[in-house]
Amino acid sequence: MATKAEEIFNRAHQLMDQGLSRTDAFKQIAEETGRKYDSVRGSYYSHKLKAEGGGSRSRTRRRETTPEAALADARASLERSIAAIDREIEVAEERAAESAAEAKSLKESATARKKAITERLETLK
């Protein structure tokens, strides 16, 4: 059984395959599910992180810590930090692209929206 995050991830990719931008896919899923846009986006990226091998990992338990084990743990931690930085950059770039697309969409529709409001204002006079 798929988690909610996995369902959102899969649905977003279905919509993007149909030509929607990621931002528009998130908006449509939010409307379909009654969830907030940011909740949908968070679920998407949460599952994406898990699917790419990120997320929580269980720690191994040892009876005693040897210098070799401590060095291995330190190396593994630093390697995970490097991977996390790469993921942070990727997510930030995706958010920036989504924001740019949203700004473009708002800019393109601004004239029509202003005209509609102006017309309503005129009918109220």
N, C-alpha and C. Protein backbone atom coordinates (compact mmCIF):
# COMPACT_ATOMS: atom_id res chain seq x y z
N MET A 1 0.85 -1.18 0.00
CA MET A 1 0.00 0.00 0.00
C MET A 1 0.90 1.25 0.00
N ALA A 2 0.58 2.16 -0.88
CA ALA A 2 1.40 3.37 -1.02
C ALA A 2 1.07 4.38 0.07
N THR A 3 2.08 5.12 0.47
CA THR A 3 1.86 6.19 1.44
C THR A 3 1.24 7.38 0.72
N LYS A 4 0.71 8.32 1.51
CA LYS A 4 0.14 9.54 0.90
C LYS A 4 1.20 10.27 0.09
N ALA A 5 2.42 10.34 0.65
CA ALA A 5 3.50 11.03 -0.06
C ALA A 5 3.80 10.36 -1.39
N GLU A 6 3.81 9.04 -1.39
CA GLU A 6 4.07 8.30 -2.63
C GLU A 6 2.94 8.52 -3.64
N GLU A 7 1.70 8.53 -3.17
CA GLU A 7 0.56 8.79 -4.05
C GLU A 7 0.68 10.18 -4.69
N ILE A 8 1.03 11.16 -3.87
CA ILE A 8 1.18 12.53 -4.38
C ILE A 8 2.32 12.59 -5.39
N PHE A 9 3.44 11.94 -5.07
CA PHE A 9 4.59 11.91 -5.97
C PHE A 9 4.19 11.32 -7.32
N ASN A 10 3.50 10.16 -7.28
CA ASN A 10 3.09 9.50 -8.53
C ASN A 10 2.08 10.33 -9.30
N ARG A 11 1.12 10.92 -8.60
CA ARG A 11 0.11 11.76 -9.27
C ARG A 11 0.76 12.98 -9.90
N ALA A 12 1.71 13.58 -9.21
CA ALA A 12 2.41 14.75 -9.76
C ALA A 12 3.12 14.37 -11.05
N HIS A 13 3.75 13.21 -11.07
CA HIS A 13 4.45 12.80 -12.29
C HIS A 13 3.47 12.47 -13.41
N GLN A 14 2.31 11.94 -13.08
CA GLN A 14 1.29 11.71 -14.11
C GLN A 14 0.90 13.04 -14.75
N LEU A 15 0.65 14.04 -13.91
CA LEU A 15 0.23 15.35 -14.42
C LEU A 15 1.36 16.01 -15.21
N MET A 16 2.59 15.87 -14.73
CA MET A 16 3.72 16.47 -15.45
C MET A 16 3.93 15.78 -16.79
N ASP A 17 3.67 14.46 -16.85
CA ASP A 17 3.76 13.74 -18.12
C ASP A 17 2.71 14.23 -19.11
N GLN A 18 1.61 14.78 -18.58
CA GLN A 18 0.55 15.32 -19.43
C GLN A 18 0.85 16.76 -19.86
N GLY A 19 1.97 17.31 -19.39
CA GLY A 19 2.37 18.63 -19.82
C GLY A 19 2.26 19.73 -18.78
N LEU A 20 1.77 19.42 -17.60
CA LEU A 20 1.67 20.43 -16.55
C LEU A 20 3.04 20.69 -15.95
N SER A 21 3.26 21.91 -15.50
CA SER A 21 4.48 22.21 -14.76
C SER A 21 4.33 21.58 -13.38
N ARG A 22 5.43 21.47 -12.68
CA ARG A 22 5.38 20.89 -11.34
C ARG A 22 4.50 21.75 -10.44
N THR A 23 4.62 23.07 -10.56
CA THR A 23 3.81 23.98 -9.75
C THR A 23 2.32 23.76 -10.02
N ASP A 24 1.96 23.69 -11.29
CA ASP A 24 0.55 23.48 -11.64
C ASP A 24 0.06 22.10 -11.20
N ALA A 25 0.95 21.12 -11.27
CA ALA A 25 0.58 19.78 -10.80
C ALA A 25 0.29 19.81 -9.30
N PHE A 26 1.14 20.50 -8.54
CA PHE A 26 0.92 20.61 -7.09
C PHE A 26 -0.41 21.32 -6.81
N LYS A 27 -0.69 22.38 -7.57
CA LYS A 27 -1.95 23.12 -7.37
C LYS A 27 -3.15 22.22 -7.66
N GLN A 28 -3.07 21.46 -8.75
CA GLN A 28 -4.20 20.59 -9.10
C GLN A 28 -4.40 19.50 -8.05
N ILE A 29 -3.30 18.92 -7.58
CA ILE A 29 -3.42 17.88 -6.55
C ILE A 29 -4.00 18.47 -5.27
N ALA A 30 -3.59 19.68 -4.94
CA ALA A 30 -4.13 20.34 -3.74
C ALA A 30 -5.64 20.51 -3.88
N GLU A 31 -6.10 20.91 -5.07
CA GLU A 31 -7.54 21.07 -5.30
C GLU A 31 -8.25 19.72 -5.25
N GLU A 32 -7.65 18.70 -5.86
CA GLU A 32 -8.27 17.38 -5.90
C GLU A 32 -8.40 16.76 -4.50
N THR A 33 -7.38 16.97 -3.68
CA THR A 33 -7.35 16.30 -2.38
C THR A 33 -7.84 17.17 -1.23
N GLY A 34 -7.99 18.46 -1.47
CA GLY A 34 -8.40 19.37 -0.40
C GLY A 34 -7.26 19.69 0.56
N ARG A 35 -6.05 19.40 0.13
CA ARG A 35 -4.88 19.70 0.96
C ARG A 35 -4.29 21.05 0.54
N LYS A 36 -3.49 21.62 1.40
CA LYS A 36 -2.84 22.89 1.08
C LYS A 36 -1.70 22.64 0.09
N TYR A 37 -1.44 23.64 -0.73
CA TYR A 37 -0.39 23.56 -1.75
C TYR A 37 0.95 23.18 -1.12
N ASP A 38 1.32 23.86 -0.02
CA ASP A 38 2.60 23.58 0.62
C ASP A 38 2.66 22.17 1.19
N SER A 39 1.53 21.65 1.63
CA SER A 39 1.48 20.29 2.14
C SER A 39 1.74 19.30 1.01
N VAL A 40 1.14 19.55 -0.14
CA VAL A 40 1.35 18.69 -1.31
C VAL A 40 2.81 18.74 -1.73
N ARG A 41 3.35 19.94 -1.81
CA ARG A 41 4.75 20.10 -2.21
C ARG A 41 5.68 19.40 -1.21
N GLY A 42 5.42 19.55 0.06
CA GLY A 42 6.24 18.90 1.08
C GLY A 42 6.19 17.39 0.98
N SER A 43 4.99 16.85 0.75
CA SER A 43 4.85 15.41 0.61
C SER A 43 5.61 14.91 -0.62
N TYR A 44 5.53 15.67 -1.70
CA TYR A 44 6.24 15.30 -2.93
C TYR A 44 7.74 15.18 -2.67
N TYR A 45 8.30 16.25 -2.08
CA TYR A 45 9.75 16.26 -1.85
C TYR A 45 10.17 15.28 -0.76
N SER A 46 9.30 15.03 0.19
CA SER A 46 9.59 14.04 1.21
C SER A 46 9.75 12.66 0.58
N HIS A 47 8.81 12.31 -0.31
CA HIS A 47 8.91 11.01 -0.97
C HIS A 47 10.09 10.98 -1.94
N LYS A 48 10.33 12.08 -2.61
CA LYS A 48 11.45 12.14 -3.56
C LYS A 48 12.76 11.88 -2.83
N LEU A 49 12.93 12.49 -1.68
CA LEU A 49 14.13 12.30 -0.88
C LEU A 49 14.29 10.83 -0.48
N LYS A 50 13.18 10.23 -0.04
CA LYS A 50 13.22 8.83 0.36
C LYS A 50 13.52 7.93 -0.84
N ALA A 51 12.93 8.23 -1.99
CA ALA A 51 13.12 7.43 -3.19
C ALA A 51 14.56 7.51 -3.70
N GLU A 52 15.21 8.63 -3.43
CA GLU A 52 16.60 8.81 -3.89
C GLU A 52 17.61 8.32 -2.86
N GLY A 53 17.13 7.64 -1.84
CA GLY A 53 18.04 7.06 -0.86
C GLY A 53 18.33 7.96 0.32
N GLY A 54 17.65 9.07 0.42
CA GLY A 54 17.86 9.96 1.56
C GLY A 54 16.96 9.57 2.70
N GLY A 55 16.81 10.44 3.63
CA GLY A 55 15.92 10.18 4.75
C GLY A 55 16.65 9.55 5.92
N SER A 56 15.88 9.04 6.83
CA SER A 56 16.48 8.52 8.07
C SER A 56 17.10 7.15 7.84
N ARG A 57 18.17 6.94 8.52
CA ARG A 57 18.84 5.64 8.50
C ARG A 57 19.01 5.17 9.93
N SER A 58 18.90 3.88 10.13
CA SER A 58 19.11 3.37 11.48
C SER A 58 20.61 3.29 11.74
N ARG A 59 20.96 3.54 12.96
CA ARG A 59 22.37 3.48 13.34
C ARG A 59 22.69 2.09 13.85
N THR A 60 23.89 1.62 13.50
CA THR A 60 24.29 0.31 13.99
C THR A 60 24.73 0.44 15.44
N ARG A 61 24.43 -0.58 16.21
CA ARG A 61 24.81 -0.58 17.62
C ARG A 61 26.06 -1.43 17.79
N ARG A 62 26.95 -0.93 18.59
CA ARG A 62 28.19 -1.66 18.86
C ARG A 62 28.37 -1.78 20.37
N ARG A 63 29.04 -2.85 20.76
CA ARG A 63 29.34 -3.02 22.18
C ARG A 63 30.40 -2.02 22.62
N GLU A 64 31.36 -1.79 21.76
CA GLU A 64 32.41 -0.83 22.09
C GLU A 64 32.80 -0.09 20.82
N THR A 65 33.30 1.09 21.00
CA THR A 65 33.73 1.88 19.87
C THR A 65 35.24 1.77 19.72
N THR A 66 35.62 1.31 18.55
CA THR A 66 37.05 1.21 18.26
C THR A 66 37.44 2.44 17.45
N PRO A 67 38.72 2.78 17.42
CA PRO A 67 39.15 3.92 16.60
C PRO A 67 38.77 3.75 15.13
N GLU A 68 38.86 2.53 14.63
CA GLU A 68 38.51 2.28 13.23
C GLU A 68 37.02 2.52 12.98
N ALA A 69 36.21 2.05 13.92
CA ALA A 69 34.76 2.24 13.78
C ALA A 69 34.40 3.72 13.88
N ALA A 70 35.07 4.44 14.78
CA ALA A 70 34.80 5.86 14.93
C ALA A 70 35.17 6.62 13.65
N LEU A 71 36.32 6.26 13.05
CA LEU A 71 36.72 6.90 11.79
C LEU A 71 35.75 6.55 10.66
N ALA A 72 35.32 5.31 10.61
CA ALA A 72 34.36 4.91 9.58
C ALA A 72 33.05 5.67 9.74
N ASP A 73 32.58 5.83 10.97
CA ASP A 73 31.35 6.59 11.22
C ASP A 73 31.52 8.05 10.80
N ALA A 74 32.68 8.62 11.12
CA ALA A 74 32.93 10.02 10.76
C ALA A 74 32.96 10.18 9.25
N ARG A 75 33.63 9.26 8.56
CA ARG A 75 33.67 9.33 7.09
C ARG A 75 32.26 9.21 6.50
N ALA A 76 31.49 8.26 7.00
CA ALA A 76 30.13 8.05 6.49
C ALA A 76 29.28 9.30 6.73
N SER A 77 29.43 9.91 7.88
CA SER A 77 28.68 11.11 8.20
C SER A 77 29.04 12.26 7.25
N LEU A 78 30.32 12.42 7.00
CA LEU A 78 30.76 13.49 6.09
C LEU A 78 30.30 13.23 4.66
N GLU A 79 30.32 11.97 4.24
CA GLU A 79 29.84 11.63 2.90
C GLU A 79 28.34 11.91 2.78
N ARG A 80 27.58 11.60 3.83
CA ARG A 80 26.14 11.91 3.80
C ARG A 80 25.92 13.42 3.75
N SER A 81 26.79 14.17 4.44
CA SER A 81 26.67 15.63 4.41
C SER A 81 26.89 16.17 3.02
N ILE A 82 27.86 15.63 2.30
CA ILE A 82 28.10 16.07 0.92
C ILE A 82 26.88 15.77 0.06
N ALA A 83 26.33 14.57 0.19
CA ALA A 83 25.14 14.20 -0.59
C ALA A 83 23.96 15.10 -0.22
N ALA A 84 23.84 15.43 1.06
CA ALA A 84 22.73 16.30 1.50
C ALA A 84 22.86 17.69 0.89
N ILE A 85 24.07 18.20 0.78
CA ILE A 85 24.26 19.52 0.16
C ILE A 85 23.82 19.48 -1.29
N ASP A 86 24.19 18.42 -2.00
CA ASP A 86 23.77 18.29 -3.40
C ASP A 86 22.25 18.23 -3.52
N ARG A 87 21.60 17.49 -2.61
CA ARG A 87 20.13 17.42 -2.64
C ARG A 87 19.52 18.78 -2.32
N GLU A 88 20.10 19.51 -1.35
CA GLU A 88 19.59 20.84 -1.00
C GLU A 88 19.64 21.77 -2.20
N ILE A 89 20.74 21.72 -2.93
CA ILE A 89 20.89 22.57 -4.12
C ILE A 89 19.85 22.21 -5.16
N GLU A 90 19.66 20.92 -5.39
CA GLU A 90 18.68 20.48 -6.38
C GLU A 90 17.27 20.93 -6.01
N VAL A 91 16.91 20.77 -4.75
CA VAL A 91 15.58 21.17 -4.30
C VAL A 91 15.42 22.69 -4.40
N ALA A 92 16.46 23.43 -4.03
CA ALA A 92 16.39 24.89 -4.12
C ALA A 92 16.24 25.34 -5.58
N GLU A 93 16.95 24.68 -6.49
CA GLU A 93 16.83 25.02 -7.91
C GLU A 93 15.42 24.72 -8.42
N GLU A 94 14.85 23.60 -7.98
CA GLU A 94 13.49 23.27 -8.39
C GLU A 94 12.49 24.28 -7.85
N ARG A 95 12.67 24.68 -6.57
CA ARG A 95 11.77 25.69 -5.99
C ARG A 95 11.91 27.01 -6.73
N ALA A 96 13.13 27.37 -7.10
CA ALA A 96 13.36 28.62 -7.83
C ALA A 96 12.67 28.57 -9.19
N ALA A 97 12.75 27.44 -9.85
CA ALA A 97 12.09 27.28 -11.16
C ALA A 97 10.57 27.36 -10.99
N GLU A 98 10.05 26.74 -9.93
CA GLU A 98 8.61 26.80 -9.67
C GLU A 98 8.18 28.23 -9.39
N SER A 99 8.97 28.94 -8.60
CA SER A 99 8.64 30.33 -8.29
C SER A 99 8.67 31.19 -9.54
N ALA A 100 9.67 30.97 -10.40
CA ALA A 100 9.76 31.73 -11.65
C ALA A 100 8.55 31.44 -12.53
N ALA A 101 8.14 30.18 -12.58
CA ALA A 101 6.97 29.82 -13.39
C ALA A 101 5.70 30.45 -12.82
N GLU A 102 5.59 30.46 -11.50
CA GLU A 102 4.42 31.08 -10.87
C GLU A 102 4.40 32.58 -11.12
N ALA A 103 5.56 33.22 -11.01
CA ALA A 103 5.65 34.67 -11.27
C ALA A 103 5.28 34.97 -12.71
N LYS A 104 5.75 34.16 -13.63
CA LYS A 104 5.43 34.35 -15.05
C LYS A 104 3.93 34.21 -15.28
N SER A 105 3.34 33.19 -14.67
CA SER A 105 1.91 32.96 -14.81
C SER A 105 1.10 34.13 -14.25
N LEU A 106 1.50 34.62 -13.08
CA LEU A 106 0.81 35.76 -12.48
C LEU A 106 0.94 37.01 -13.35
N LYS A 107 2.14 37.20 -13.87
CA LYS A 107 2.39 38.37 -14.72
C LYS A 107 1.54 38.31 -15.99
N GLU A 108 1.47 37.12 -16.59
CA GLU A 108 0.70 36.96 -17.82
C GLU A 108 -0.80 37.16 -17.60
N SER A 109 -1.29 36.79 -16.43
CA SER A 109 -2.73 36.90 -16.18
C SER A 109 -3.11 38.20 -15.48
N ALA A 110 -2.14 39.02 -15.13
CA ALA A 110 -2.41 40.24 -14.36
C ALA A 110 -3.35 41.19 -15.09
N THR A 111 -3.12 41.41 -16.36
CA THR A 111 -3.95 42.35 -17.11
C THR A 111 -5.41 41.91 -17.14
N ALA A 112 -5.62 40.64 -17.42
CA ALA A 112 -7.00 40.12 -17.48
C ALA A 112 -7.67 40.18 -16.10
N ARG A 113 -6.93 39.86 -15.06
CA ARG A 113 -7.51 39.90 -13.72
C ARG A 113 -7.84 41.32 -13.31
N LYS A 114 -6.93 42.26 -13.61
CA LYS A 114 -7.18 43.66 -13.29
C LYS A 114 -8.39 44.19 -14.06
N LYS A 115 -8.50 43.80 -15.33
CA LYS A 115 -9.62 44.24 -16.16
C LYS A 115 -10.95 43.74 -15.57
N ALA A 116 -10.97 42.47 -15.15
CA ALA A 116 -12.19 41.90 -14.58
C ALA A 116 -12.59 42.62 -13.30
N ILE A 117 -11.61 42.94 -12.47
CA ILE A 117 -11.90 43.65 -11.23
C ILE A 117 -12.38 45.07 -11.52
N THR A 118 -11.74 45.72 -12.49
CA THR A 118 -12.13 47.08 -12.87
C THR A 118 -13.57 47.09 -13.38
N GLU A 119 -13.93 46.11 -14.19
CA GLU A 119 -15.30 46.00 -14.70
C GLU A 119 -16.29 45.82 -13.55
N ARG A 120 -15.95 45.03 -12.58
CA ARG A 120 -16.84 44.84 -11.43
C ARG A 120 -16.97 46.13 -10.63
N LEU A 121 -15.87 46.84 -10.50
CA LEU A 121 -15.90 48.12 -9.80
C LEU A 121 -16.84 49.10 -10.51
N GLU A 122 -16.77 49.09 -11.82
CA GLU A 122 -17.62 50.00 -12.60
C GLU A 122 -19.11 49.65 -12.43
N THR A 123 -19.42 48.38 -12.30
CA THR A 123 -20.82 48.01 -12.12
C THR A 123 -21.34 48.39 -10.74
N LEU A 124 -20.44 48.57 -9.79
CA LEU A 124 -20.83 48.96 -8.44
C LEU A 124 -21.05 50.45 -8.30
N LYS A 125 -20.63 51.21 -9.28
CA LYS A 125 -20.78 52.68 -9.19
C LYS A 125 -22.18 53.13 -9.48
